[in-house]
Amino acid sequence: MSTVVNMHRAKTELSKLVAKALAGEEVIVTRSGKPVVKLVPIRQRRVPGSGRGTIHYGPDFDKPWPEEFLQDWEPKGWEP
């Protein structure tokens, strides 16, 4: 979905329009009925290691899967 607003409305409702852009909506500002600006969020740079400690694995995450589960994933007629 996109929102198209004229310059005057953009000046009076800038905070609302920025919130829409941050939520992923396309916001286009027009002057004399012609599009002149599109509001887009600035992508934040990813900082390596910033997610450290946020993902937790169970103690048995590397436990072998049950044979009946593996059979559903192997192609039929396949032999190792």
C-alpha atoms as a PDB file:
ATOM      1  CA  MET A   1       0.000   0.000   0.000  1.00  0.00           C
ATOM      2  CA  SER A   2       1.211   3.519  -0.598  1.00  0.00           C
ATOM      3  CA  THR A   3       0.271   6.934   0.682  1.00  0.00           C
ATOM      4  CA  VAL A   4       0.479   9.995  -1.564  1.00  0.00           C
ATOM      5  CA  VAL A   5       0.332  13.407   0.112  1.00  0.00           C
ATOM      6  CA  ASN A   6       0.883  16.981  -1.000  1.00  0.00           C
ATOM      7  CA  MET A   7       3.648  19.137   0.447  1.00  0.00           C
ATOM      8  CA  HIS A   8       1.388  21.043   2.846  1.00  0.00           C
ATOM      9  CA  ARG A   9      -0.059  17.872   4.350  1.00  0.00           C
ATOM     10  CA  ALA A  10       3.430  16.372   4.597  1.00  0.00           C
ATOM     11  CA  LYS A  11       4.594  19.376   6.639  1.00  0.00           C
ATOM     12  CA  THR A  12       1.672  19.166   9.035  1.00  0.00           C
ATOM     13  CA  GLU A  13       1.678  15.358   9.407  1.00  0.00           C
ATOM     14  CA  LEU A  14       5.388  14.564   9.153  1.00  0.00           C
ATOM     15  CA  SER A  15       5.524  12.411  12.304  1.00  0.00           C
ATOM     16  CA  LYS A  16       2.609  10.257  11.146  1.00  0.00           C
ATOM     17  CA  LEU A  17       4.105   9.870   7.686  1.00  0.00           C
ATOM     18  CA  VAL A  18       7.487   8.868   9.100  1.00  0.00           C
ATOM     19  CA  ALA A  19       5.769   6.256  11.267  1.00  0.00           C
ATOM     20  CA  LYS A  20       4.052   4.854   8.172  1.00  0.00           C
ATOM     21  CA  ALA A  21       7.362   4.699   6.295  1.00  0.00           C
ATOM     22  CA  LEU A  22       9.026   2.931   9.226  1.00  0.00           C
ATOM     23  CA  ALA A  23       6.168   0.405   9.231  1.00  0.00           C
ATOM     24  CA  GLY A  24       6.999  -0.449   5.603  1.00  0.00           C
ATOM     25  CA  GLU A  25       4.414   1.653   3.811  1.00  0.00           C
ATOM     26  CA  GLU A  26       5.479   3.659   0.783  1.00  0.00           C
ATOM     27  CA  VAL A  27       4.983   7.404   1.364  1.00  0.00           C
ATOM     28  CA  ILE A  28       5.222   9.754  -1.619  1.00  0.00           C
ATOM     29  CA  VAL A  29       5.156  13.542  -1.310  1.00  0.00           C
ATOM     30  CA  THR A  30       3.921  15.581  -4.278  1.00  0.00           C
ATOM     31  CA  ARG A  31       4.297  19.187  -5.369  1.00  0.00           C
ATOM     32  CA  SER A  32       1.743  20.565  -7.826  1.00  0.00           C
ATOM     33  CA  GLY A  33       0.412  17.033  -8.255  1.00  0.00           C
ATOM     34  CA  LYS A  34       3.783  15.576  -9.300  1.00  0.00           C
ATOM     35  CA  PRO A  35       5.735  13.142  -7.103  1.00  0.00           C
ATOM     36  CA  VAL A  36       8.963  14.687  -5.818  1.00  0.00           C
ATOM     37  CA  VAL A  37      10.029  12.696  -2.735  1.00  0.00           C
ATOM     38  CA  LYS A  38       9.597   9.195  -1.356  1.00  0.00           C
ATOM     39  CA  LEU A  39      10.027   8.637   2.385  1.00  0.00           C
ATOM     40  CA  VAL A  40      12.015   5.493   3.144  1.00  0.00           C
ATOM     41  CA  PRO A  41      13.606   4.297   6.387  1.00  0.00           C
ATOM     42  CA  ILE A  42      17.381   4.357   6.702  1.00  0.00           C
ATOM     43  CA  ARG A  43      18.706   0.844   7.032  1.00  0.00           C
ATOM     44  CA  GLN A  44      20.747   0.405  10.184  1.00  0.00           C
ATOM     45  CA  ARG A  45      24.139  -1.215   9.751  1.00  0.00           C
ATOM     46  CA  ARG A  46      24.359  -4.686  11.163  1.00  0.00           C
ATOM     47  CA  VAL A  47      26.816  -4.966  14.008  1.00  0.00           C
ATOM     48  CA  PRO A  48      28.442  -8.411  14.085  1.00  0.00           C
ATOM     49  CA  GLY A  49      27.851 -10.115  17.396  1.00  0.00           C
ATOM     50  CA  SER A  50      24.991  -7.825  18.424  1.00  0.00           C
ATOM     51  CA  GLY A  51      22.646 -10.818  18.723  1.00  0.00           C
ATOM     52  CA  ARG A  52      24.983 -12.786  20.957  1.00  0.00           C
ATOM     53  CA  GLY A  53      23.090 -14.446  23.778  1.00  0.00           C
ATOM     54  CA  THR A  54      19.653 -14.089  22.163  1.00  0.00           C
ATOM     55  CA  ILE A  55      19.481 -17.569  20.604  1.00  0.00           C
ATOM     56  CA  HIS A  56      19.391 -20.567  22.887  1.00  0.00           C
ATOM     57  CA  TYR A  57      19.553 -24.219  21.912  1.00  0.00           C
ATOM     58  CA  GLY A  58      18.115 -27.068  23.930  1.00  0.00           C
ATOM     59  CA  PRO A  59      20.541 -29.562  25.447  1.00  0.00           C
ATOM     60  CA  ASP A  60      19.509 -32.192  22.862  1.00  0.00           C
ATOM     61  CA  PHE A  61      19.533 -29.993  19.736  1.00  0.00           C
ATOM     62  CA  ASP A  62      22.114 -32.238  18.047  1.00  0.00           C
ATOM     63  CA  LYS A  63      20.478 -35.512  19.071  1.00  0.00           C
ATOM     64  CA  PRO A  64      19.983 -37.858  16.084  1.00  0.00           C
ATOM     65  CA  TRP A  65      16.544 -37.687  14.508  1.00  0.00           C
ATOM     66  CA  PRO A  66      14.200 -40.694  14.746  1.00  0.00           C
ATOM     67  CA  GLU A  67      14.465 -43.123  11.827  1.00  0.00           C
ATOM     68  CA  GLU A  68      10.767 -42.732  10.897  1.00  0.00           C
ATOM     69  CA  PHE A  69      11.263 -38.973  10.577  1.00  0.00           C
ATOM     70  CA  LEU A  70      14.333 -39.379   8.356  1.00  0.00           C
ATOM     71  CA  GLN A  71      12.462 -41.768   6.051  1.00  0.00           C
ATOM     72  CA  ASP A  72      10.038 -38.973   5.141  1.00  0.00           C
ATOM     73  CA  TRP A  73      12.930 -36.782   3.953  1.00  0.00           C
ATOM     74  CA  GLU A  74      14.941 -39.275   1.916  1.00  0.00           C
ATOM     75  CA  PRO A  75      14.047 -39.777  -1.750  1.00  0.00           C
ATOM     76  CA  LYS A  76      12.294 -43.072  -2.511  1.00  0.00           C
ATOM     77  CA  GLY A  77      14.644 -45.790  -3.732  1.00  0.00           C
ATOM     78  CA  TRP A  78      17.752 -43.970  -2.515  1.00  0.00           C
ATOM     79  CA  GLU A  79      20.511 -46.103  -1.028  1.00  0.00           C
ATOM     80  CA  PRO A  80      23.552 -44.649   0.753  1.00  0.00           C
END
